[in-house]
């Protein structure tokens, strides 16, 4: 936002404006303008615009103040029409998306604060966007891991799979591995979540290392192991995702780094050493390795 826009907001709020003297002054004046809107406006679009500006700022004080407003029932009622099922999180979701797109250390504090807010969680759907914003902060902290563990007990497990793999930091992938091994959920459900979460990230070296650890660990059920292997080496959109309009898609193997090529080759060898591996999956592994090796040869 420009200082001119901030000036207009201040004037509209009945506050005075002086010419910007420093970067800190401009940040404070802009913050004050947006907070004034949050305090008094009943225009949902104006509230969303100011809240999104604060969410995008990465400024700790702005994010702290935004978190305070988002924990107030009266503000949430001004931001969204809570009596309209189709719009009860419409503007809030856009604010949370802004947090997700520009994560900062203070984003984690804001999200964890809201996860303790009864007012914010009074509408359960709000937690979806909040978890997405929280998972955008890298690396993932132990406190955030515990927040996701709690969310898993509340029915957000499938979302957690996707967000943890997308985060890709050590703590996030450690929890992902725990969830893959969790026998309290049936293997078919876990395989479905593996397909959705791993497929878009199957060229990520950290994700490939996590899969290698899972396949090497004792006790992993064979259907889950096969699910991990096929997600790396195969792609069956209709079979895995049904008639979904925009199903997850795998990244191209073309141009992957030598590190990724080596990790994939090692996984392929270990997978093909499994005596019960389906013959169709062996063929998919061979086809993928030919694609990876062709790409590596072109880069030389």
Protein backbone atom coordinates (compact mmCIF):
# COMPACT_ATOMS: atom_id res chain seq x y z
CA UNK A 1 0.00 0.00 0.00
CA UNK A 2 1.23 3.52 -0.86
CA UNK A 3 1.44 6.31 1.69
CA UNK A 4 -1.25 8.13 -0.31
CA UNK A 5 -3.65 5.24 0.25
CA UNK A 6 -2.77 5.22 3.95
CA UNK A 7 -3.42 8.95 4.09
CA UNK A 8 -6.85 8.49 2.51
CA UNK A 9 -7.71 5.82 5.07
CA UNK A 10 -6.66 8.06 7.93
CA UNK A 11 -8.69 10.97 6.61
CA UNK A 12 -11.74 8.71 6.18
CA UNK A 13 -11.31 7.58 9.77
CA UNK A 14 -11.15 11.17 11.01
CA UNK A 15 -7.45 11.01 11.86
CA UNK A 16 -4.73 13.45 10.92
CA UNK A 17 -1.92 12.82 8.45
CA UNK A 18 1.57 14.24 8.20
CA UNK A 19 4.01 13.69 5.38
CA UNK A 20 6.06 10.52 5.75
CA UNK A 21 9.39 11.15 7.44
CA UNK A 22 10.85 7.65 7.64
CA UNK A 23 10.14 4.03 6.80
CA UNK A 24 9.18 3.33 10.42
CA UNK A 25 6.81 6.29 10.41
CA UNK A 26 5.16 5.06 7.23
CA UNK A 27 4.70 1.55 8.68
CA UNK A 28 3.15 2.97 11.85
CA UNK A 29 0.87 5.34 9.96
CA UNK A 30 -0.29 2.64 7.57
CA UNK A 31 -0.89 0.24 10.48
CA UNK A 32 -2.89 2.90 12.30
CA UNK A 33 -5.04 3.51 9.22
CA UNK A 34 -5.86 -0.16 8.80
CA UNK A 35 -6.53 -0.70 12.50
CA UNK A 36 -8.90 2.24 12.46
CA UNK A 37 -10.85 0.54 9.67
CA UNK A 38 -10.98 -2.71 11.67
CA UNK A 39 -12.27 -0.84 14.69
CA UNK A 40 -15.13 1.06 13.13
CA UNK A 41 -16.04 -0.04 9.61
CA UNK A 42 -19.09 -2.13 8.80
CA UNK A 43 -18.11 -2.52 5.15
CA UNK A 44 -17.06 -6.15 4.75
CA UNK A 45 -14.89 -5.47 1.70
CA UNK A 46 -13.10 -2.60 3.45
CA UNK A 47 -12.54 -4.77 6.52
CA UNK A 48 -11.15 -7.56 4.35
CA UNK A 49 -8.84 -5.15 2.50
CA UNK A 50 -7.35 -3.73 5.69
CA UNK A 51 -7.07 -7.14 7.35
CA UNK A 52 -5.35 -8.55 4.26
CA UNK A 53 -2.93 -5.63 4.21
CA UNK A 54 -1.99 -6.31 7.83
CA UNK A 55 -1.72 -10.05 7.14
CA UNK A 56 0.61 -9.41 4.18
CA UNK A 57 2.83 -6.93 6.00
CA UNK A 58 5.03 -9.45 7.85
CA UNK A 59 5.28 -6.76 10.51
CA UNK A 60 5.17 -8.36 14.01
CA UNK A 61 3.12 -5.58 15.58
CA UNK A 62 0.63 -5.55 12.72
CA UNK A 63 0.23 -9.33 12.89
CA UNK A 64 -0.20 -9.24 16.67
CA UNK A 65 -2.93 -6.60 16.39
CA UNK A 66 -4.61 -8.52 13.58
CA UNK A 67 -4.65 -11.63 15.76
CA UNK A 68 -6.36 -9.69 18.53
CA UNK A 69 -9.12 -8.54 16.17
CA UNK A 70 -9.60 -12.02 14.70
CA UNK A 71 -10.27 -13.36 18.20
CA UNK A 72 -13.21 -10.98 18.73
CA UNK A 73 -16.73 -12.30 17.96
CA UNK A 74 -18.01 -8.81 17.17
CA UNK A 75 -15.30 -8.25 14.56
CA UNK A 76 -15.79 -11.67 12.98
CA UNK A 77 -19.51 -10.88 12.67
CA UNK A 78 -18.69 -7.60 10.88
CA UNK A 79 -16.19 -9.31 8.59
CA UNK A 80 -18.50 -12.13 7.43
CA UNK A 81 -22.23 -12.83 7.37
CA UNK A 82 -22.32 -15.67 9.87
CA UNK A 83 -25.97 -16.39 9.08
CA UNK A 84 -25.20 -17.17 5.44
CA UNK A 85 -23.77 -20.71 5.14
CA UNK A 86 -22.20 -19.88 1.77
CA UNK A 87 -20.45 -16.73 3.01
CA UNK A 88 -19.74 -17.33 6.69
CA UNK A 89 -15.96 -17.49 6.10
CA UNK A 90 -15.78 -15.72 2.73
CA UNK A 91 -13.73 -12.65 3.71
CA UNK A 92 -11.84 -14.37 6.52
CA UNK A 93 -10.57 -17.03 4.13
CA UNK A 94 -9.03 -14.32 1.94
CA UNK A 95 -7.31 -12.82 4.98
CA UNK A 96 -5.92 -16.22 5.95
CA UNK A 97 -4.76 -16.77 2.38
CA UNK A 98 -2.79 -13.53 2.64
CA UNK A 99 -1.13 -14.88 5.78
CA UNK A 100 -0.35 -18.11 3.95
CA UNK A 101 1.22 -16.33 0.97
CA UNK A 102 3.55 -14.16 3.08
CA UNK A 103 4.51 -16.21 6.14
CA UNK A 104 6.72 -14.73 8.81
CA UNK A 105 7.85 -15.84 12.29
CA UNK A 106 5.03 -13.76 13.77
CA UNK A 107 2.53 -15.66 11.62
CA UNK A 108 3.07 -18.74 13.76
CA UNK A 109 2.33 -16.82 16.96
CA UNK A 110 -0.85 -15.37 15.45
CA UNK A 111 -2.09 -18.78 14.28
CA UNK A 112 -1.29 -20.57 17.54
CA UNK A 113 -3.06 -17.78 19.43
CA UNK A 114 -6.19 -18.24 17.31
CA UNK A 115 -6.10 -21.99 17.84
CA UNK A 116 -6.65 -21.20 21.52
CA UNK A 117 -9.47 -18.75 20.82
CA UNK A 118 -12.95 -20.10 21.54
CA UNK A 119 -14.46 -17.19 19.61
CA UNK A 120 -12.46 -17.92 16.47
CA UNK A 121 -13.08 -21.69 16.65
CA UNK A 122 -16.80 -21.25 17.23
CA UNK A 123 -17.06 -21.76 13.47
CA UNK A 124 -15.07 -24.99 12.79
CA UNK A 125 -14.54 -24.19 9.09
CA UNK A 126 -12.26 -21.31 10.10
CA UNK A 127 -9.66 -23.82 11.20
CA UNK A 128 -8.99 -25.00 7.64
CA UNK A 129 -7.54 -21.70 6.46
CA UNK A 130 -5.76 -21.22 9.77
CA UNK A 131 -3.94 -24.55 9.49
CA UNK A 132 -2.92 -23.69 5.93
CA UNK A 133 -1.42 -20.40 7.12
CA UNK A 134 0.31 -22.10 10.03
CA UNK A 135 1.85 -24.78 7.81
CA UNK A 136 3.29 -22.12 5.50
CA UNK A 137 5.79 -21.12 8.21
CA UNK A 138 9.12 -22.90 7.73
CA UNK A 139 10.78 -24.60 9.44
CA UNK A 140 7.92 -26.09 11.42
CA UNK A 141 8.32 -25.79 15.20
CA UNK A 142 7.49 -28.34 17.88
CA UNK A 143 4.57 -26.16 18.98
CA UNK A 144 3.09 -26.26 15.49
CA UNK A 145 3.60 -30.03 15.30
CA UNK A 146 1.56 -30.38 18.49
CA UNK A 147 -1.13 -28.17 16.99
CA UNK A 148 -1.33 -30.50 13.99
CA UNK A 149 -1.41 -33.56 16.23
CA UNK A 150 -4.42 -32.06 17.98
CA UNK A 151 -6.04 -31.17 14.66
CA UNK A 152 -5.65 -34.78 13.54
CA UNK A 153 -7.83 -35.91 16.46
CA UNK A 154 -10.53 -33.47 15.30
CA UNK A 155 -10.92 -34.81 11.76
CA UNK A 156 -8.29 -32.76 9.93
CA UNK A 157 -5.93 -35.66 9.23
CA UNK A 158 -6.25 -35.63 5.44
CA UNK A 159 -5.57 -31.90 5.34
CA UNK A 160 -2.59 -32.39 7.66
CA UNK A 161 -1.04 -34.92 5.27
CA UNK A 162 -1.06 -32.37 2.44
CA UNK A 163 0.15 -29.44 4.52
CA UNK A 164 2.93 -31.35 6.29
CA UNK A 165 4.41 -32.68 3.04
CA UNK A 166 4.07 -29.25 1.44
CA UNK A 167 5.96 -27.71 4.38
CA UNK A 168 8.74 -30.27 3.94
CA UNK A 169 10.83 -29.27 6.96
CA UNK A 170 12.18 -31.95 9.36
CA UNK A 171 9.51 -31.67 12.06
CA UNK A 172 6.72 -31.63 9.49
CA UNK A 173 8.00 -34.74 7.71
CA UNK A 174 8.59 -36.54 11.01
CA UNK A 175 4.90 -36.10 11.84
CA UNK A 176 3.97 -37.17 8.30
CA UNK A 177 5.95 -40.37 8.84
CA UNK A 178 4.17 -40.99 12.15
CA UNK A 179 0.83 -40.57 10.41
CA UNK A 180 1.77 -42.99 7.62
CA UNK A 181 2.63 -45.62 10.27
CA UNK A 182 -0.48 -44.93 12.37
CA UNK A 183 -2.42 -48.21 12.45
CA UNK A 184 -5.43 -46.58 14.09
CA UNK A 185 -6.44 -45.60 10.54
CA UNK A 186 -7.03 -48.25 7.91
CA UNK A 187 -4.37 -48.70 5.21
CA UNK A 188 -6.73 -47.67 2.39
CA UNK A 189 -7.36 -44.26 3.97
CA UNK A 190 -3.66 -43.67 4.53
CA UNK A 191 -2.83 -44.62 0.95
CA UNK A 192 -5.44 -42.15 -0.35
CA UNK A 193 -3.82 -39.40 1.75
CA UNK A 194 -0.35 -40.42 0.54
CA UNK A 195 -1.50 -40.10 -3.08
CA UNK A 196 -2.91 -36.62 -2.48
CA UNK A 197 -0.01 -35.28 -0.43
CA UNK A 198 3.11 -36.87 -1.92
CA UNK A 199 2.28 -36.82 -5.63
CA UNK A 200 2.76 -33.03 -6.10
CA UNK A 201 6.01 -33.19 -4.09
CA UNK A 202 7.54 -36.41 -5.33
CA UNK A 203 10.62 -34.67 -6.75
CA UNK A 204 11.41 -33.04 -3.39
CA UNK A 205 14.57 -34.68 -2.02
CA UNK A 206 13.41 -34.37 1.59
CA UNK A 207 10.12 -36.09 0.76
CA UNK A 208 11.99 -38.86 -1.07
CA UNK A 209 14.22 -39.36 1.98
CA UNK A 210 11.15 -39.60 4.21
CA UNK A 211 9.71 -42.30 1.94
CA UNK A 212 13.01 -44.16 2.02
CA UNK A 213 12.93 -44.13 5.84
CA UNK A 214 9.35 -45.38 5.86
CA UNK A 215 10.11 -48.26 3.49
CA UNK A 216 13.14 -49.25 5.56
CA UNK A 217 11.26 -49.24 8.87
CA UNK A 218 9.94 -52.59 10.12
CA UNK A 219 6.23 -53.21 10.45
CA UNK A 220 4.85 -51.01 7.69
CA UNK A 221 1.86 -52.77 6.14
CA UNK A 222 2.43 -53.93 2.57
CA UNK A 223 -0.51 -51.98 1.08
CA UNK A 224 0.86 -48.77 2.60
CA UNK A 225 4.37 -49.54 1.34
CA UNK A 226 2.99 -50.16 -2.15
CA UNK A 227 1.05 -46.90 -1.88
CA UNK A 228 4.25 -44.99 -1.18
CA UNK A 229 6.09 -46.65 -4.06
CA UNK A 230 3.34 -46.16 -6.62
CA UNK A 231 2.97 -42.50 -5.68
CA UNK A 232 6.62 -41.92 -6.57
CA UNK A 233 6.74 -44.03 -9.72
CA UNK A 234 3.22 -44.10 -11.14
CA UNK A 235 0.26 -41.79 -11.78
CA UNK A 236 -3.33 -43.00 -12.00
CA UNK A 237 -5.46 -39.91 -11.79
CA UNK A 238 -8.85 -41.55 -12.26
CA UNK A 239 -8.08 -44.54 -10.06
CA UNK A 240 -6.62 -42.48 -7.23
CA UNK A 241 -8.79 -39.36 -7.29
CA UNK A 242 -11.95 -40.35 -9.17
CA UNK A 243 -13.81 -37.65 -11.12
CA UNK A 244 -12.26 -34.78 -9.15
CA UNK A 245 -12.32 -31.58 -11.22
CA UNK A 246 -8.75 -30.53 -10.44
CA UNK A 247 -6.88 -33.59 -9.10
CA UNK A 248 -3.30 -33.43 -7.78
CA UNK A 249 -0.72 -33.70 -10.54
CA UNK A 250 2.91 -34.82 -10.42
CA UNK A 251 5.80 -32.53 -11.32
CA UNK A 252 7.85 -33.44 -14.36
CA UNK A 253 10.91 -35.63 -14.00
CA UNK A 254 12.65 -33.58 -16.69
CA UNK A 255 15.56 -31.59 -15.40
CA UNK A 256 15.58 -32.97 -11.84
CA UNK A 257 18.82 -32.50 -9.95
CA UNK A 258 21.43 -35.27 -9.70
CA UNK A 259 20.55 -35.60 -6.00
CA UNK A 260 16.92 -36.33 -6.84
CA UNK A 261 17.90 -38.71 -9.65
CA UNK A 262 20.12 -40.67 -7.25
CA UNK A 263 17.42 -40.82 -4.57
CA UNK A 264 14.84 -42.05 -7.09
CA UNK A 265 17.25 -44.68 -8.42
CA UNK A 266 17.94 -45.95 -4.90
CA UNK A 267 14.21 -46.13 -4.15
CA UNK A 268 13.60 -47.97 -7.42
CA UNK A 269 16.19 -50.61 -6.54
CA UNK A 270 14.75 -51.13 -3.06
CA UNK A 271 11.19 -51.25 -4.38
CA UNK A 272 11.99 -53.84 -7.04
CA UNK A 273 13.68 -55.99 -4.40
CA UNK A 274 10.31 -56.46 -2.68
CA UNK A 275 9.06 -59.94 -3.75
CA UNK A 276 5.37 -59.05 -3.54
CA UNK A 277 5.57 -55.91 -5.69
CA UNK A 278 2.86 -56.02 -8.41
CA UNK A 279 4.19 -56.56 -11.92
CA UNK A 280 2.34 -53.47 -13.18
CA UNK A 281 4.17 -51.34 -10.63
CA UNK A 282 7.51 -52.85 -11.66
CA UNK A 283 6.77 -51.72 -15.21
CA UNK A 284 5.88 -48.22 -13.96
CA UNK A 285 9.18 -48.07 -12.05
CA UNK A 286 11.12 -49.01 -15.19
CA UNK A 287 9.28 -46.38 -17.23
CA UNK A 288 9.94 -43.68 -14.65
CA UNK A 289 13.61 -44.56 -14.38
CA UNK A 290 13.96 -44.37 -18.16
CA UNK A 291 12.44 -40.88 -18.04
CA UNK A 292 14.72 -39.79 -15.19
CA UNK A 293 17.83 -41.19 -16.88
CA UNK A 294 16.92 -39.59 -20.21
CA UNK A 295 16.58 -36.24 -18.48
CA UNK A 296 19.91 -36.69 -16.71
CA UNK A 297 21.60 -37.56 -20.01
CA UNK A 298 20.24 -34.41 -21.68
CA UNK A 299 21.65 -32.25 -18.90
CA UNK A 300 25.20 -33.56 -19.42
